[in-house]
Amino acid sequence: MSRNLRSNQKKVFIDGENFRQRVVELLCSQDAIEDKNINFSLDVRGLIEDVLGINGVEINYYASEIKMPRGYTPSTRIQGRVNKIKENSRRWVAMLKQQDINYIKAGNLKVKEGKECNHCHKPQEILQEKGVDVRMALDMLEIAYKTKNVDIVSVSSDTDLCPSYHKIRKRKRKTTYICFSDSINRAVAAATDEIITITPQKVLHYFGNNKIIDAIDKDEQNICI
């Protein structure tokens, strides 16, 4: 682990879809929410700044936009999932913006033909994310190459970002990997300078802020997904 004695500014890059999915799984496992499709609020800024030990950090949250193939008619199951994702996304985006987090549409959530069902023997439709890691990598590299005295903080366990971390470190920029305590990716950990873990207790502490919920109700009507 490299030492960074300068007081550098930190820029945070979050793989949004995977981050939210891990939060949902954790909240379900802790019986904080009843199912994975329920709307909930989370003080993301408070959580990230807590584990970093600083306030006022720039946070960039990367998310996918749902795309349907031209001429494609989704199944009832997929259409139901898409509608629920859009509904949850409107509230989630409003929540992030209320926390002064940069929301960046960086990829597509596409419908893809999956494995054959064991019962009906028909191909099953699945939703697959594409493109978020590419945009994150480009943005992190651009900051590292153009900005002095900056630390790159990544909230992503995607190994596709490892080459970017190596290049960033060659520029003498510190890289920090934030992940959940039960899901550390060893390859990403080896590619970065520092690891910070988020415990279930931390997530529960910043879950369900009533002030955030009130702000979401006011702002979500102005959000388009």
C-alpha atoms as a PDB file:
ATOM      1  CA  MET A   1       0.000   0.000   0.000  1.00  0.00           C
ATOM      2  CA  SER A   2       1.472   3.375  -0.979  1.00  0.00           C
ATOM      3  CA  ARG A   3       1.557   6.318   1.378  1.00  0.00           C
ATOM      4  CA  ASN A   4       0.041   9.588   0.329  1.00  0.00           C
ATOM      5  CA  LEU A   5       1.285  12.426   2.537  1.00  0.00           C
ATOM      6  CA  ARG A   6      -0.245  15.252   0.527  1.00  0.00           C
ATOM      7  CA  SER A   7      -3.696  16.616   1.220  1.00  0.00           C
ATOM      8  CA  ASN A   8      -5.133  15.662  -2.142  1.00  0.00           C
ATOM      9  CA  GLN A   9      -8.680  16.166  -3.327  1.00  0.00           C
ATOM     10  CA  LYS A  10     -10.601  12.927  -3.725  1.00  0.00           C
ATOM     11  CA  LYS A  11     -12.965  12.110  -6.557  1.00  0.00           C
ATOM     12  CA  VAL A  12     -15.336   9.189  -6.098  1.00  0.00           C
ATOM     13  CA  PHE A  13     -16.618   7.004  -8.950  1.00  0.00           C
ATOM     14  CA  ILE A  14     -19.493   4.615  -8.168  1.00  0.00           C
ATOM     15  CA  ASP A  15     -20.644   1.715 -10.341  1.00  0.00           C
ATOM     16  CA  GLY A  16     -24.266   2.533  -9.597  1.00  0.00           C
ATOM     17  CA  GLU A  17     -26.154  -0.583 -10.673  1.00  0.00           C
ATOM     18  CA  ASN A  18     -23.854  -2.955  -8.815  1.00  0.00           C
ATOM     19  CA  PHE A  19     -23.652  -0.672  -5.778  1.00  0.00           C
ATOM     20  CA  ARG A  20     -27.430  -0.503  -5.431  1.00  0.00           C
ATOM     21  CA  GLN A  21     -27.783  -4.247  -5.977  1.00  0.00           C
ATOM     22  CA  ARG A  22     -25.308  -4.982  -3.182  1.00  0.00           C
ATOM     23  CA  VAL A  23     -27.094  -2.531  -0.864  1.00  0.00           C
ATOM     24  CA  VAL A  24     -30.429  -4.209  -1.617  1.00  0.00           C
ATOM     25  CA  GLU A  25     -28.996  -7.678  -0.928  1.00  0.00           C
ATOM     26  CA  LEU A  26     -27.492  -6.471   2.330  1.00  0.00           C
ATOM     27  CA  LEU A  27     -30.709  -4.790   3.494  1.00  0.00           C
ATOM     28  CA  CYS A  28     -32.692  -7.935   2.681  1.00  0.00           C
ATOM     29  CA  SER A  29     -30.234 -10.118   4.592  1.00  0.00           C
ATOM     30  CA  GLN A  30     -30.555  -7.797   7.594  1.00  0.00           C
ATOM     31  CA  ASP A  31     -34.396  -7.815   7.356  1.00  0.00           C
ATOM     32  CA  ALA A  32     -34.357  -4.036   6.815  1.00  0.00           C
ATOM     33  CA  ILE A  33     -36.520  -4.395   3.681  1.00  0.00           C
ATOM     34  CA  GLU A  34     -38.959  -7.158   2.793  1.00  0.00           C
ATOM     35  CA  ASP A  35     -38.086  -7.671  -0.871  1.00  0.00           C
ATOM     36  CA  LYS A  36     -35.622  -6.491  -3.507  1.00  0.00           C
ATOM     37  CA  ASN A  37     -38.166  -4.456  -5.485  1.00  0.00           C
ATOM     38  CA  ILE A  38     -39.226  -2.124  -2.702  1.00  0.00           C
ATOM     39  CA  ASN A  39     -38.454   1.615  -2.787  1.00  0.00           C
ATOM     40  CA  PHE A  40     -36.069   2.787  -0.088  1.00  0.00           C
ATOM     41  CA  SER A  41     -33.765   5.698   0.668  1.00  0.00           C
ATOM     42  CA  LEU A  42     -30.081   5.734   1.560  1.00  0.00           C
ATOM     43  CA  ASP A  43     -27.773   8.579   2.535  1.00  0.00           C
ATOM     44  CA  VAL A  44     -25.161   7.605  -0.052  1.00  0.00           C
ATOM     45  CA  ARG A  45     -23.123  10.764   0.494  1.00  0.00           C
ATOM     46  CA  GLY A  46     -23.115  10.283   4.256  1.00  0.00           C
ATOM     47  CA  LEU A  47     -22.035   6.658   3.857  1.00  0.00           C
ATOM     48  CA  ILE A  48     -19.187   7.396   1.429  1.00  0.00           C
ATOM     49  CA  GLU A  49     -17.905  10.408   3.355  1.00  0.00           C
ATOM     50  CA  ASP A  50     -18.040   8.417   6.597  1.00  0.00           C
ATOM     51  CA  VAL A  51     -15.857   5.579   5.327  1.00  0.00           C
ATOM     52  CA  LEU A  52     -13.451   8.068   3.705  1.00  0.00           C
ATOM     53  CA  GLY A  53     -13.329  10.261   6.798  1.00  0.00           C
ATOM     54  CA  ILE A  54     -13.861  13.527   4.883  1.00  0.00           C
ATOM     55  CA  ASN A  55     -16.725  15.852   3.936  1.00  0.00           C
ATOM     56  CA  GLY A  56     -17.573  17.663   0.716  1.00  0.00           C
ATOM     57  CA  VAL A  57     -16.102  15.058  -1.624  1.00  0.00           C
ATOM     58  CA  GLU A  58     -17.108  14.971  -5.307  1.00  0.00           C
ATOM     59  CA  ILE A  59     -19.185  11.849  -5.988  1.00  0.00           C
ATOM     60  CA  ASN A  60     -19.960  10.579  -9.491  1.00  0.00           C
ATOM     61  CA  TYR A  61     -22.639   7.890  -9.760  1.00  0.00           C
ATOM     62  CA  TYR A  62     -22.768   5.926 -13.038  1.00  0.00           C
ATOM     63  CA  ALA A  63     -25.974   4.191 -14.082  1.00  0.00           C
ATOM     64  CA  SER A  64     -27.578   2.484 -17.052  1.00  0.00           C
ATOM     65  CA  GLU A  65     -30.480   3.550 -19.228  1.00  0.00           C
ATOM     66  CA  ILE A  66     -32.989   0.876 -20.210  1.00  0.00           C
ATOM     67  CA  LYS A  67     -32.936   0.123 -23.933  1.00  0.00           C
ATOM     68  CA  MET A  68     -35.333  -2.136 -25.811  1.00  0.00           C
ATOM     69  CA  PRO A  69     -34.296  -3.533 -29.223  1.00  0.00           C
ATOM     70  CA  ARG A  70     -36.181  -1.947 -32.129  1.00  0.00           C
ATOM     71  CA  GLY A  71     -39.260  -3.969 -33.014  1.00  0.00           C
ATOM     72  CA  TYR A  72     -38.953  -6.064 -29.859  1.00  0.00           C
ATOM     73  CA  THR A  73     -42.028  -6.946 -27.810  1.00  0.00           C
ATOM     74  CA  PRO A  74     -41.008  -7.865 -24.263  1.00  0.00           C
ATOM     75  CA  SER A  75     -42.682 -10.616 -22.308  1.00  0.00           C
ATOM     76  CA  THR A  76     -45.088  -9.658 -19.545  1.00  0.00           C
ATOM     77  CA  ARG A  77     -42.460 -10.625 -16.974  1.00  0.00           C
ATOM     78  CA  ILE A  78     -39.740  -8.459 -18.509  1.00  0.00           C
ATOM     79  CA  GLN A  79     -42.093  -5.516 -19.063  1.00  0.00           C
ATOM     80  CA  GLY A  80     -43.125  -5.712 -15.428  1.00  0.00           C
ATOM     81  CA  ARG A  81     -39.493  -5.677 -14.331  1.00  0.00           C
ATOM     82  CA  VAL A  82     -38.703  -2.751 -16.628  1.00  0.00           C
ATOM     83  CA  ASN A  83     -41.636  -0.729 -15.285  1.00  0.00           C
ATOM     84  CA  LYS A  84     -40.568  -1.418 -11.702  1.00  0.00           C
ATOM     85  CA  ILE A  85     -36.957  -0.485 -12.445  1.00  0.00           C
ATOM     86  CA  LYS A  86     -38.075   2.811 -13.989  1.00  0.00           C
ATOM     87  CA  GLU A  87     -40.295   3.595 -11.009  1.00  0.00           C
ATOM     88  CA  ASN A  88     -37.513   2.858  -8.520  1.00  0.00           C
ATOM     89  CA  SER A  89     -34.982   4.756 -10.635  1.00  0.00           C
ATOM     90  CA  ARG A  90     -36.992   7.977 -10.588  1.00  0.00           C
ATOM     91  CA  ARG A  91     -36.967   8.031  -6.802  1.00  0.00           C
ATOM     92  CA  TRP A  92     -33.340   6.905  -6.608  1.00  0.00           C
ATOM     93  CA  VAL A  93     -32.134   9.617  -9.019  1.00  0.00           C
ATOM     94  CA  ALA A  94     -34.085  12.275  -7.114  1.00  0.00           C
ATOM     95  CA  MET A  95     -32.466  11.046  -3.919  1.00  0.00           C
ATOM     96  CA  LEU A  96     -28.953  11.215  -5.396  1.00  0.00           C
ATOM     97  CA  LYS A  97     -29.460  14.714  -6.769  1.00  0.00           C
ATOM     98  CA  GLN A  98     -30.832  15.883  -3.434  1.00  0.00           C
ATOM     99  CA  GLN A  99     -27.507  14.738  -1.946  1.00  0.00           C
ATOM    100  CA  ASP A 100     -25.511  16.708  -4.551  1.00  0.00           C
ATOM    101  CA  ILE A 101     -24.264  13.535  -6.250  1.00  0.00           C
ATOM    102  CA  ASN A 102     -23.503  13.674  -9.971  1.00  0.00           C
ATOM    103  CA  TYR A 103     -25.781  11.196 -11.753  1.00  0.00           C
ATOM    104  CA  ILE A 104     -24.261  10.041 -15.048  1.00  0.00           C
ATOM    105  CA  LYS A 105     -26.088   7.909 -17.617  1.00  0.00           C
ATOM    106  CA  ALA A 106     -23.176   5.849 -18.844  1.00  0.00           C
ATOM    107  CA  GLY A 107     -24.477   2.568 -20.205  1.00  0.00           C
ATOM    108  CA  ASN A 108     -27.470   0.570 -21.320  1.00  0.00           C
ATOM    109  CA  LEU A 109     -29.548  -2.048 -19.562  1.00  0.00           C
ATOM    110  CA  LYS A 110     -30.460  -4.284 -22.471  1.00  0.00           C
ATOM    111  CA  VAL A 111     -32.795  -7.232 -22.863  1.00  0.00           C
ATOM    112  CA  LYS A 112     -30.874 -10.361 -23.818  1.00  0.00           C
ATOM    113  CA  GLU A 113     -31.873 -13.941 -24.517  1.00  0.00           C
ATOM    114  CA  GLY A 114     -30.682 -16.119 -21.663  1.00  0.00           C
ATOM    115  CA  LYS A 115     -30.568 -19.803 -20.824  1.00  0.00           C
ATOM    116  CA  GLU A 116     -33.393 -22.178 -21.654  1.00  0.00           C
ATOM    117  CA  CYS A 117     -35.984 -22.673 -18.928  1.00  0.00           C
ATOM    118  CA  ASN A 118     -35.852 -26.138 -17.348  1.00  0.00           C
ATOM    119  CA  HIS A 119     -39.663 -26.329 -17.292  1.00  0.00           C
ATOM    120  CA  CYS A 120     -40.958 -24.762 -20.515  1.00  0.00           C
ATOM    121  CA  HIS A 121     -37.688 -25.183 -22.490  1.00  0.00           C
ATOM    122  CA  LYS A 122     -37.983 -21.669 -23.916  1.00  0.00           C
ATOM    123  CA  PRO A 123     -35.120 -19.143 -23.846  1.00  0.00           C
ATOM    124  CA  GLN A 124     -35.478 -16.798 -20.882  1.00  0.00           C
ATOM    125  CA  GLU A 125     -35.103 -13.035 -21.248  1.00  0.00           C
ATOM    126  CA  ILE A 126     -32.647 -11.311 -18.941  1.00  0.00           C
ATOM    127  CA  LEU A 127     -31.564  -7.701 -18.391  1.00  0.00           C
ATOM    128  CA  GLN A 128     -27.843  -7.117 -18.895  1.00  0.00           C
ATOM    129  CA  GLU A 129     -25.817  -3.972 -18.205  1.00  0.00           C
ATOM    130  CA  LYS A 130     -23.343  -2.727 -20.809  1.00  0.00           C
ATOM    131  CA  GLY A 131     -21.043   0.276 -20.993  1.00  0.00           C
ATOM    132  CA  VAL A 132     -20.793   1.613 -17.441  1.00  0.00           C
ATOM    133  CA  ASP A 133     -17.286   0.271 -16.848  1.00  0.00           C
ATOM    134  CA  VAL A 134     -16.010   1.843 -20.084  1.00  0.00           C
ATOM    135  CA  ARG A 135     -17.279   5.322 -19.187  1.00  0.00           C
ATOM    136  CA  MET A 136     -15.991   5.020 -15.620  1.00  0.00           C
ATOM    137  CA  ALA A 137     -12.552   3.992 -16.863  1.00  0.00           C
ATOM    138  CA  LEU A 138     -12.357   6.881 -19.332  1.00  0.00           C
ATOM    139  CA  ASP A 139     -13.441   9.456 -16.752  1.00  0.00           C
ATOM    140  CA  MET A 140     -11.025   8.188 -14.092  1.00  0.00           C
ATOM    141  CA  LEU A 141      -8.131   8.218 -16.554  1.00  0.00           C
ATOM    142  CA  GLU A 142      -8.977  11.705 -17.792  1.00  0.00           C
ATOM    143  CA  ILE A 143      -8.990  13.066 -14.243  1.00  0.00           C
ATOM    144  CA  ALA A 144      -5.740  11.274 -13.390  1.00  0.00           C
ATOM    145  CA  TYR A 145      -3.955  12.607 -16.469  1.00  0.00           C
ATOM    146  CA  LYS A 146      -5.284  16.181 -16.336  1.00  0.00           C
ATOM    147  CA  THR A 147      -5.409  16.888 -12.598  1.00  0.00           C
ATOM    148  CA  LYS A 148      -2.567  17.125 -10.111  1.00  0.00           C
ATOM    149  CA  ASN A 149      -2.915  16.256  -6.432  1.00  0.00           C
ATOM    150  CA  VAL A 150      -5.972  14.083  -6.937  1.00  0.00           C
ATOM    151  CA  ASP A 151      -6.866  10.680  -5.504  1.00  0.00           C
ATOM    152  CA  ILE A 152      -9.149   8.319  -7.413  1.00  0.00           C
ATOM    153  CA  VAL A 153     -11.723   6.470  -5.300  1.00  0.00           C
ATOM    154  CA  SER A 154     -13.613   3.654  -7.007  1.00  0.00           C
ATOM    155  CA  VAL A 155     -16.709   1.952  -5.620  1.00  0.00           C
ATOM    156  CA  SER A 156     -16.661  -0.982  -8.013  1.00  0.00           C
ATOM    157  CA  SER A 157     -15.516  -4.597  -7.927  1.00  0.00           C
ATOM    158  CA  ASP A 158     -15.390  -4.868 -11.719  1.00  0.00           C
ATOM    159  CA  THR A 159     -12.060  -6.405 -12.760  1.00  0.00           C
ATOM    160  CA  ASP A 160     -12.387  -4.744 -16.178  1.00  0.00           C
ATOM    161  CA  LEU A 161     -11.255  -1.550 -14.441  1.00  0.00           C
ATOM    162  CA  CYS A 162      -7.935  -3.043 -13.277  1.00  0.00           C
ATOM    163  CA  PRO A 163      -5.935  -1.859 -16.349  1.00  0.00           C
ATOM    164  CA  SER A 164      -7.145   1.677 -15.623  1.00  0.00           C
ATOM    165  CA  TYR A 165      -5.931   1.473 -12.022  1.00  0.00           C
ATOM    166  CA  HIS A 166      -2.479   0.412 -13.215  1.00  0.00           C
ATOM    167  CA  LYS A 167      -2.290   3.410 -15.566  1.00  0.00           C
ATOM    168  CA  ILE A 168      -3.536   5.786 -12.872  1.00  0.00           C
ATOM    169  CA  ARG A 169      -0.894   4.545 -10.434  1.00  0.00           C
ATOM    170  CA  LYS A 170       1.806   5.058 -13.047  1.00  0.00           C
ATOM    171  CA  ARG A 171       0.753   8.707 -13.020  1.00  0.00           C
ATOM    172  CA  LYS A 172       1.545   8.723  -9.277  1.00  0.00           C
ATOM    173  CA  ARG A 173      -2.114   9.100  -8.376  1.00  0.00           C
ATOM    174  CA  LYS A 174      -3.426   7.174  -5.389  1.00  0.00           C
ATOM    175  CA  THR A 175      -6.225   4.681  -6.033  1.00  0.00           C
ATOM    176  CA  THR A 176      -8.674   3.603  -3.344  1.00  0.00           C
ATOM    177  CA  TYR A 177     -11.044   0.650  -3.687  1.00  0.00           C
ATOM    178  CA  ILE A 178     -14.250   0.837  -1.627  1.00  0.00           C
ATOM    179  CA  CYS A 179     -16.245  -2.379  -1.370  1.00  0.00           C
ATOM    180  CA  PHE A 180     -18.622  -4.206   0.923  1.00  0.00           C
ATOM    181  CA  SER A 181     -16.907  -6.164   3.671  1.00  0.00           C
ATOM    182  CA  ASP A 182     -18.288  -9.511   2.512  1.00  0.00           C
ATOM    183  CA  SER A 183     -17.415  -9.110  -1.173  1.00  0.00           C
ATOM    184  CA  ILE A 184     -13.809  -8.008  -1.605  1.00  0.00           C
ATOM    185  CA  ASN A 185     -12.491  -8.699  -5.100  1.00  0.00           C
ATOM    186  CA  ARG A 186      -8.865  -9.772  -4.658  1.00  0.00           C
ATOM    187  CA  ALA A 187      -7.854  -8.807  -8.196  1.00  0.00           C
ATOM    188  CA  VAL A 188      -9.166  -5.259  -7.747  1.00  0.00           C
ATOM    189  CA  ALA A 189      -7.582  -5.060  -4.291  1.00  0.00           C
ATOM    190  CA  ALA A 190      -4.208  -6.019  -5.775  1.00  0.00           C
ATOM    191  CA  ALA A 191      -4.559  -3.400  -8.525  1.00  0.00           C
ATOM    192  CA  THR A 192      -5.226  -0.481  -6.145  1.00  0.00           C
ATOM    193  CA  ASP A 193      -3.293   1.252  -3.368  1.00  0.00           C
ATOM    194  CA  GLU A 194      -5.855   1.106  -0.592  1.00  0.00           C
ATOM    195  CA  ILE A 195      -8.932  -0.901   0.391  1.00  0.00           C
ATOM    196  CA  ILE A 196     -11.798   0.491   2.466  1.00  0.00           C
ATOM    197  CA  THR A 197     -14.686  -1.786   3.378  1.00  0.00           C
ATOM    198  CA  ILE A 198     -18.308  -0.910   4.087  1.00  0.00           C
ATOM    199  CA  THR A 199     -19.848  -2.944   6.901  1.00  0.00           C
ATOM    200  CA  PRO A 200     -23.539  -3.877   7.186  1.00  0.00           C
ATOM    201  CA  GLN A 201     -23.718  -1.678  10.286  1.00  0.00           C
ATOM    202  CA  LYS A 202     -22.596   1.358   8.263  1.00  0.00           C
ATOM    203  CA  VAL A 203     -25.244   0.754   5.602  1.00  0.00           C
ATOM    204  CA  LEU A 204     -27.984   0.324   8.204  1.00  0.00           C
ATOM    205  CA  HIS A 205     -26.882   3.550   9.895  1.00  0.00           C
ATOM    206  CA  TYR A 206     -27.474   5.558   6.682  1.00  0.00           C
ATOM    207  CA  PHE A 207     -30.592   3.673   5.589  1.00  0.00           C
ATOM    208  CA  GLY A 208     -34.048   5.306   5.618  1.00  0.00           C
ATOM    209  CA  ASN A 209     -33.299   8.975   6.283  1.00  0.00           C
ATOM    210  CA  ASN A 210     -36.688  10.742   6.644  1.00  0.00           C
ATOM    211  CA  LYS A 211     -35.334  14.103   5.433  1.00  0.00           C
ATOM    212  CA  ILE A 212     -34.178  12.450   2.226  1.00  0.00           C
ATOM    213  CA  ILE A 213     -37.554  10.746   1.749  1.00  0.00           C
ATOM    214  CA  ASP A 214     -39.345  14.108   2.018  1.00  0.00           C
ATOM    215  CA  ALA A 215     -37.014  15.646  -0.576  1.00  0.00           C
ATOM    216  CA  ILE A 216     -37.488  12.696  -2.932  1.00  0.00           C
ATOM    217  CA  ASP A 217     -41.278  13.094  -2.852  1.00  0.00           C
ATOM    218  CA  LYS A 218     -40.889  16.739  -3.909  1.00  0.00           C
ATOM    219  CA  ASP A 219     -38.279  16.187  -6.632  1.00  0.00           C
ATOM    220  CA  GLU A 220     -39.073  12.864  -8.325  1.00  0.00           C
ATOM    221  CA  GLN A 221     -41.826  14.320 -10.504  1.00  0.00           C
ATOM    222  CA  ASN A 222     -39.140  16.293 -12.380  1.00  0.00           C
ATOM    223  CA  ILE A 223     -36.977  13.247 -13.132  1.00  0.00           C
ATOM    224  CA  CYS A 224     -37.073  11.489 -16.497  1.00  0.00           C
ATOM    225  CA  ILE A 225     -35.666   7.962 -16.874  1.00  0.00           C
END
